Amino acid sequence: MWNNTKVVDVHAHISRPPQVRAFAAGLMSNRTPQKMNISDEVAEPAFQRHIADMDDRLIDFQLVGPRPVDQWSWMPMFLQESWSRATNDHIAQSVRLHPDRFAGMAQLPQDALASDTTHMLAELEYCVNELGFVGAYLNPDPDGKRSAPGVHEAYWYPFYEKCVELGVQILVHPCPTEDPRLQVVPANYQINNVVEEYIASMLYMYGDVFDRYPDLKVCICHCGGALQRFIPTDYQHSGPDKDFTKNLFYDSNALDPRFLDLAIQQRGVSQMCFGTEVPGSGRAVRPETGRPGDDLVRTIDGLESLSEADKQAIFHDNPLKVFSKVAELIGD
């Protein structure tokens, strides 16, 4: 809670008991689609740890999706479909047990070499129509080899059309890369976050996706991956002179306060949704505060560049503006 206002976090990943990883290992080793059965009693300790982290960081409500490092979009499609269903059912389990804290975001099977994204739609419909999810993750580089078309291309149109039809929104979050140059870099999936999110941002700006789908809303994680180094009026380099304020948004998951402050200034307060990835890769302690790096409510609250109205927008108003089904879930 911030100033008696519910803090809504659009970027969180499901917490799991070890049995979920064991299921995934069995799925891949047996190469046979299966249904995962994790009892509430087994799953609940992981959910309780998750909620404890939320409480510690003043987060009231989260949009919980898949762990991108575990989406494994390189698996054959028949296994991806089984794994996506297992992941989504586990996310739905967390929502069912804690509807006052979580809403679901879908993991979808993705084939970078398919003719289009029609293969993603059945799972999306299941997640929205049967599980009540409020949106879906989009990995712009499913196989980690940059084989998929850019997010502005016709390949993605069936997915965009279905999201508009179902009234749900998209969170752009890459998964690990298979770039052989990066093998020496620890946690090199983070590099794909920067590169693929920035590329997606630019493709949405220069393409015509939002002309075709004016009701589509897309939120790109980690402040869009990278910041602009050109002046805002340099449209050749920093984006065309078009209005994206109704369509293209970013989350606040940047752990360096200086980067985050500048990202909010560049993107604009109106385009920033609160996002933390808690519990995720931001647990390292800030020496100056003794608090985890992903303690972003307190970090944003301390930014002198933001007014109280700006903070209200980021923490609460913008997430509800972008993810339209959430207001009803939290009673706003």
Protein backbone atom coordinates (compact mmCIF):
# COMPACT_ATOMS: atom_id res chain seq x y z
CA MET A 1 0.00 0.00 0.00
CA TRP A 2 1.19 3.51 -0.84
CA ASN A 3 -0.58 6.50 0.71
CA ASN A 4 -3.70 4.39 1.28
CA THR A 5 -3.65 3.41 -2.40
CA LYS A 6 -3.38 -0.18 -3.61
CA VAL A 7 -0.12 -0.85 -5.43
CA VAL A 8 -0.72 -2.94 -8.57
CA ASP A 9 2.31 -4.75 -10.01
CA VAL A 10 1.93 -5.78 -13.67
CA HIS A 11 5.14 -7.83 -13.87
CA ALA A 12 5.48 -10.85 -11.60
CA HIS A 13 6.33 -14.50 -12.19
CA ILE A 14 4.75 -17.54 -10.63
CA SER A 15 6.35 -19.09 -7.55
CA ARG A 16 6.57 -22.88 -7.56
CA PRO A 17 7.31 -25.84 -5.34
CA PRO A 18 10.17 -28.06 -6.58
CA GLN A 19 7.64 -30.58 -7.91
CA VAL A 20 6.90 -28.24 -10.83
CA ARG A 21 10.49 -28.39 -12.06
CA ALA A 22 10.43 -32.15 -11.58
CA PHE A 23 7.33 -32.33 -13.78
CA ALA A 24 9.07 -30.27 -16.46
CA ALA A 25 12.13 -32.52 -16.38
CA GLY A 26 9.92 -35.58 -16.76
CA LEU A 27 8.04 -33.97 -19.61
CA MET A 28 11.23 -33.29 -21.53
CA SER A 29 12.92 -36.61 -20.76
CA ASN A 30 9.85 -38.76 -21.50
CA ARG A 31 8.81 -36.56 -24.44
CA THR A 32 5.20 -37.39 -23.72
CA PRO A 33 2.51 -34.76 -23.03
CA GLN A 34 1.20 -35.02 -19.50
CA LYS A 35 -1.08 -33.24 -17.08
CA MET A 36 0.54 -31.78 -13.97
CA ASN A 37 -1.17 -32.38 -10.63
CA ILE A 38 0.23 -30.31 -7.76
CA SER A 39 -2.05 -30.26 -4.72
CA ASP A 40 -2.96 -27.03 -2.97
CA GLU A 41 -1.14 -28.26 0.13
CA VAL A 42 2.08 -28.74 -1.83
CA ALA A 43 1.79 -25.44 -3.74
CA GLU A 44 0.70 -23.19 -0.89
CA PRO A 45 4.09 -22.77 0.88
CA ALA A 46 5.56 -21.34 -2.34
CA PHE A 47 2.61 -18.96 -2.68
CA GLN A 48 2.99 -17.89 0.95
CA ARG A 49 6.68 -17.08 0.43
CA HIS A 50 5.68 -15.08 -2.63
CA ILE A 51 3.06 -13.11 -0.70
CA ALA A 52 5.54 -12.45 2.11
CA ASP A 53 7.89 -10.86 -0.44
CA MET A 54 5.01 -8.75 -1.77
CA ASP A 55 4.12 -7.56 1.72
CA ASP A 56 7.73 -6.72 2.46
CA ARG A 57 7.83 -4.54 -0.66
CA LEU A 58 4.40 -2.90 -0.11
CA ILE A 59 2.78 -4.60 -3.13
CA ASP A 60 -0.95 -5.27 -2.83
CA PHE A 61 -1.80 -7.04 -6.09
CA GLN A 62 0.19 -8.69 -8.87
CA LEU A 63 -0.36 -9.87 -12.41
CA VAL A 64 1.40 -13.24 -12.23
CA GLY A 65 2.72 -14.88 -15.37
CA PRO A 66 5.22 -17.56 -16.38
CA ARG A 67 8.88 -17.46 -15.52
CA PRO A 68 10.48 -16.46 -18.83
CA VAL A 69 13.64 -18.45 -18.09
CA ASP A 70 11.39 -21.51 -17.88
CA GLN A 71 9.11 -21.02 -20.86
CA TRP A 72 11.36 -23.21 -22.99
CA SER A 73 9.94 -22.13 -26.33
CA TRP A 74 12.68 -24.17 -28.01
CA MET A 75 10.82 -27.38 -27.08
CA PRO A 76 8.83 -29.18 -29.80
CA MET A 77 5.33 -27.80 -30.08
CA PHE A 78 3.63 -30.93 -28.72
CA LEU A 79 5.64 -30.54 -25.50
CA GLN A 80 5.29 -26.78 -25.39
CA GLU A 81 1.52 -27.15 -25.45
CA SER A 82 1.63 -29.50 -22.47
CA TRP A 83 4.08 -27.31 -20.56
CA SER A 84 2.10 -24.12 -21.25
CA ARG A 85 -1.07 -25.78 -20.01
CA ALA A 86 0.69 -27.01 -16.85
CA THR A 87 2.15 -23.55 -16.19
CA ASN A 88 -1.16 -21.80 -16.75
CA ASP A 89 -3.03 -24.22 -14.51
CA HIS A 90 -0.44 -23.59 -11.79
CA ILE A 91 -0.85 -19.81 -12.21
CA ALA A 92 -4.63 -20.30 -12.00
CA GLN A 93 -4.12 -22.29 -8.82
CA SER A 94 -2.36 -19.32 -7.21
CA VAL A 95 -5.20 -17.02 -8.31
CA ARG A 96 -7.87 -19.39 -7.01
CA LEU A 97 -6.18 -19.64 -3.62
CA HIS A 98 -5.41 -15.91 -3.39
CA PRO A 99 -7.82 -13.93 -5.59
CA ASP A 100 -7.23 -10.81 -3.50
CA ARG A 101 -3.49 -10.85 -4.38
CA PHE A 102 -3.09 -12.35 -7.86
CA ALA A 103 -4.46 -12.23 -11.40
CA GLY A 104 -3.21 -14.51 -14.17
CA MET A 105 -1.15 -13.80 -17.27
CA ALA A 106 -0.86 -16.58 -19.83
CA GLN A 107 2.11 -18.52 -21.12
CA LEU A 108 1.45 -19.50 -24.72
CA PRO A 109 3.14 -22.07 -26.96
CA GLN A 110 5.22 -20.18 -29.53
CA ASP A 111 6.71 -21.50 -32.75
CA ALA A 112 9.13 -19.06 -34.33
CA LEU A 113 9.04 -20.93 -37.65
CA ALA A 114 5.25 -21.25 -38.01
CA SER A 115 3.49 -19.34 -40.77
CA ASP A 116 1.71 -17.16 -38.19
CA THR A 117 0.57 -17.12 -34.55
CA THR A 118 -2.65 -19.07 -35.00
CA HIS A 119 -1.12 -21.91 -32.97
CA MET A 120 -1.13 -19.64 -29.88
CA LEU A 121 -4.84 -18.90 -29.87
CA ALA A 122 -6.39 -22.04 -28.36
CA GLU A 123 -4.35 -21.70 -25.17
CA LEU A 124 -5.06 -17.97 -25.01
CA GLU A 125 -8.81 -18.62 -25.25
CA TYR A 126 -8.57 -21.30 -22.56
CA CYS A 127 -6.69 -18.96 -20.22
CA VAL A 128 -9.08 -16.04 -20.70
CA ASN A 129 -12.41 -17.80 -21.07
CA GLU A 130 -11.93 -20.65 -18.59
CA LEU A 131 -9.27 -19.41 -16.17
CA GLY A 132 -10.16 -15.72 -16.15
CA PHE A 133 -6.69 -14.42 -17.03
CA VAL A 134 -6.27 -10.72 -17.80
CA GLY A 135 -3.52 -10.89 -20.42
CA ALA A 136 -0.71 -12.87 -22.00
CA TYR A 137 3.06 -12.85 -22.36
CA LEU A 138 4.63 -12.36 -25.78
CA ASN A 139 8.20 -13.52 -26.32
CA PRO A 140 9.46 -11.66 -29.42
CA ASP A 141 12.31 -14.18 -29.87
CA PRO A 142 10.75 -17.59 -29.14
CA ASP A 143 13.60 -19.84 -30.19
CA GLY A 144 16.37 -17.55 -28.96
CA LYS A 145 17.82 -17.40 -32.48
CA ARG A 146 15.90 -14.33 -33.78
CA SER A 147 14.08 -16.55 -36.27
CA ALA A 148 10.60 -15.11 -35.66
CA PRO A 149 9.36 -12.11 -37.66
CA GLY A 150 9.41 -8.70 -36.01
CA VAL A 151 6.49 -7.84 -33.76
CA HIS A 152 5.16 -5.43 -36.40
CA GLU A 153 4.80 -8.14 -39.07
CA ALA A 154 1.74 -10.06 -40.27
CA TYR A 155 2.95 -13.21 -38.48
CA TRP A 156 1.62 -11.70 -35.23
CA TYR A 157 -1.73 -10.42 -36.53
CA PRO A 158 -3.86 -13.44 -35.46
CA PHE A 159 -2.59 -13.05 -31.90
CA TYR A 160 -3.24 -9.32 -31.87
CA GLU A 161 -6.72 -9.80 -33.29
CA LYS A 162 -7.59 -12.39 -30.65
CA CYS A 163 -6.30 -10.20 -27.80
CA VAL A 164 -8.51 -7.34 -28.99
CA GLU A 165 -11.47 -9.68 -29.38
CA LEU A 166 -11.01 -11.06 -25.85
CA GLY A 167 -10.30 -7.65 -24.32
CA VAL A 168 -6.91 -8.63 -22.87
CA GLN A 169 -3.51 -7.01 -23.01
CA ILE A 170 0.02 -8.09 -23.86
CA LEU A 171 3.18 -8.06 -21.75
CA VAL A 172 6.32 -8.28 -23.91
CA HIS A 173 8.98 -10.28 -22.09
CA PRO A 174 11.80 -12.14 -23.87
CA CYS A 175 13.22 -15.49 -22.83
CA PRO A 176 16.81 -16.75 -22.96
CA THR A 177 18.93 -16.28 -26.02
CA GLU A 178 20.94 -18.97 -27.79
CA ASP A 179 23.53 -16.50 -29.04
CA PRO A 180 26.79 -18.51 -28.69
CA ARG A 181 28.79 -15.33 -28.06
CA LEU A 182 27.09 -14.89 -24.69
CA GLN A 183 27.98 -18.21 -23.11
CA VAL A 184 30.67 -16.57 -20.99
CA VAL A 185 28.19 -14.08 -19.49
CA PRO A 186 26.37 -15.22 -16.31
CA ALA A 187 22.56 -14.93 -16.46
CA ASN A 188 22.87 -14.00 -20.14
CA TYR A 189 19.09 -14.15 -20.56
CA GLN A 190 19.14 -10.62 -19.14
CA ILE A 191 20.89 -9.42 -22.30
CA ASN A 192 17.98 -10.67 -24.38
CA ASN A 193 15.71 -8.64 -22.15
CA VAL A 194 17.54 -5.46 -23.09
CA VAL A 195 18.01 -6.20 -26.78
CA GLU A 196 14.67 -7.77 -27.67
CA GLU A 197 12.60 -5.32 -25.65
CA TYR A 198 14.31 -2.34 -27.25
CA ILE A 199 13.86 -3.81 -30.71
CA ALA A 200 10.18 -4.50 -29.98
CA SER A 201 9.71 -0.91 -28.79
CA MET A 202 11.14 0.49 -32.01
CA LEU A 203 9.20 -1.91 -34.25
CA TYR A 204 5.91 -0.99 -32.59
CA MET A 205 6.77 2.68 -33.10
CA TYR A 206 7.79 2.45 -36.75
CA GLY A 207 5.34 -0.27 -37.80
CA ASP A 208 1.59 0.07 -38.25
CA VAL A 209 0.34 -2.39 -35.61
CA PHE A 210 -1.60 0.25 -33.70
CA ASP A 211 -3.08 1.68 -36.89
CA ARG A 212 -4.43 -1.79 -37.64
CA TYR A 213 -5.44 -2.53 -34.05
CA PRO A 214 -6.21 0.80 -32.35
CA ASP A 215 -7.65 -0.94 -29.27
CA LEU A 216 -4.56 -3.09 -28.69
CA LYS A 217 -2.51 -2.30 -25.58
CA VAL A 218 1.07 -3.56 -25.24
CA CYS A 219 3.29 -3.17 -22.17
CA ILE A 220 7.02 -3.79 -22.61
CA CYS A 221 8.98 -4.95 -19.57
CA HIS A 222 12.07 -3.41 -17.96
CA CYS A 223 11.30 0.15 -19.13
CA GLY A 224 11.57 -1.03 -22.73
CA GLY A 225 15.00 -2.58 -22.33
CA ALA A 226 17.17 0.42 -23.22
CA LEU A 227 16.90 4.19 -23.17
CA GLN A 228 17.11 6.69 -26.00
CA ARG A 229 20.38 8.56 -26.48
CA PHE A 230 18.98 10.97 -29.08
CA ILE A 231 17.00 14.15 -28.55
CA PRO A 232 13.21 13.53 -28.63
CA THR A 233 12.71 15.47 -31.87
CA ASP A 234 15.19 13.27 -33.78
CA TYR A 235 12.39 11.14 -35.22
CA GLN A 236 14.72 9.10 -37.42
CA HIS A 237 16.44 7.67 -34.35
CA SER A 238 14.12 8.01 -31.37
CA GLY A 239 10.73 7.15 -32.87
CA PRO A 240 8.28 8.79 -35.28
CA ASP A 241 6.18 11.80 -34.34
CA LYS A 242 3.07 9.71 -33.60
CA ASP A 243 0.80 9.38 -30.60
CA PHE A 244 1.31 6.04 -28.84
CA THR A 245 -0.22 7.08 -25.54
CA LYS A 246 -3.23 4.78 -25.91
CA ASN A 247 -1.30 1.72 -27.04
CA LEU A 248 2.34 1.42 -25.98
CA PHE A 249 3.37 1.21 -22.33
CA TYR A 250 6.33 0.14 -20.21
CA ASP A 251 6.85 -1.28 -16.75
CA SER A 252 9.10 0.12 -14.05
CA ASN A 253 11.28 -2.94 -13.51
CA ALA A 254 14.67 -1.23 -13.51
CA LEU A 255 16.75 -1.65 -10.38
CA ASP A 256 19.21 1.23 -10.72
CA PRO A 257 17.34 4.33 -9.47
CA ARG A 258 19.21 6.58 -11.90
CA PHE A 259 18.20 4.45 -14.88
CA LEU A 260 14.63 4.22 -13.61
CA ASP A 261 14.35 7.97 -13.04
CA LEU A 262 15.51 8.74 -16.57
CA ALA A 263 13.33 5.99 -18.06
CA ILE A 264 10.23 7.50 -16.48
CA GLN A 265 11.23 10.92 -17.81
CA GLN A 266 11.86 9.58 -21.32
CA ARG A 267 8.80 7.33 -21.58
CA GLY A 268 6.50 9.71 -19.74
CA VAL A 269 4.65 9.08 -16.49
CA SER A 270 1.45 8.36 -18.40
CA GLN A 271 3.12 5.36 -20.11
CA MET A 272 4.71 3.76 -17.04
CA CYS A 273 3.10 0.88 -15.16
CA PHE A 274 4.48 -0.34 -11.87
CA GLY A 275 6.36 -3.64 -12.30
CA THR A 276 8.89 -5.39 -10.10
CA GLU A 277 9.33 -9.08 -11.05
CA VAL A 278 9.06 -9.82 -7.30
CA PRO A 279 10.13 -12.41 -6.37
CA GLY A 280 12.77 -12.51 -9.10
CA SER A 281 16.24 -11.36 -10.03
CA GLY A 282 16.31 -8.18 -7.92
CA ARG A 283 17.07 -9.56 -4.47
CA ALA A 284 20.58 -8.12 -4.24
CA VAL A 285 20.76 -5.63 -1.37
CA ARG A 286 21.32 -1.94 -2.03
CA PRO A 287 24.28 -0.89 0.16
CA GLU A 288 22.84 2.60 0.65
CA THR A 289 19.49 1.34 1.99
CA GLY A 290 20.02 -2.21 3.20
CA ARG A 291 16.89 -3.12 1.23
CA PRO A 292 16.52 -5.41 -1.81
CA GLY A 293 17.03 -3.83 -5.22
CA ASP A 294 13.47 -4.73 -6.22
CA ASP A 295 11.99 -2.72 -3.34
CA LEU A 296 10.62 -0.39 -6.00
CA VAL A 297 7.69 1.20 -4.18
CA ARG A 298 10.10 2.84 -1.79
CA THR A 299 12.56 3.57 -4.63
CA ILE A 300 9.98 5.31 -6.81
CA ASP A 301 8.51 7.09 -3.79
CA GLY A 302 11.97 8.57 -3.21
CA LEU A 303 12.43 9.97 -6.74
CA GLU A 304 12.44 13.75 -6.43
CA SER A 305 11.47 14.19 -10.09
CA LEU A 306 7.99 12.70 -9.43
CA SER A 307 5.00 14.43 -7.91
CA GLU A 308 2.50 12.67 -5.67
CA ALA A 309 0.13 12.51 -8.66
CA ASP A 310 2.89 10.91 -10.77
CA LYS A 311 3.45 8.21 -8.16
CA GLN A 312 -0.29 7.56 -7.89
CA ALA A 313 -0.42 7.09 -11.66
CA ILE A 314 2.50 4.64 -11.74
CA PHE A 315 1.52 2.60 -8.70
CA HIS A 316 -2.21 2.34 -9.36
CA ASP A 317 -3.91 4.33 -12.10
CA ASN A 318 -1.82 3.28 -15.09
CA PRO A 319 -1.87 -0.48 -14.39
CA LEU A 320 -5.67 -0.31 -14.24
CA LYS A 321 -5.79 1.83 -17.37
CA VAL A 322 -3.70 -0.65 -19.34
CA PHE A 323 -4.94 -3.97 -17.95
CA SER A 324 -8.63 -3.23 -18.18
CA LYS A 325 -9.94 -6.30 -16.33
CA VAL A 326 -7.97 -5.65 -13.16
CA ALA A 327 -10.07 -2.80 -11.73
CA GLU A 328 -13.01 -5.12 -11.22
CA LEU A 329 -10.78 -7.74 -9.58
CA ILE A 330 -9.45 -5.34 -6.94
CA GLY A 331 -12.75 -3.58 -6.35
CA ASP A 332 -11.96 -0.23 -8.01
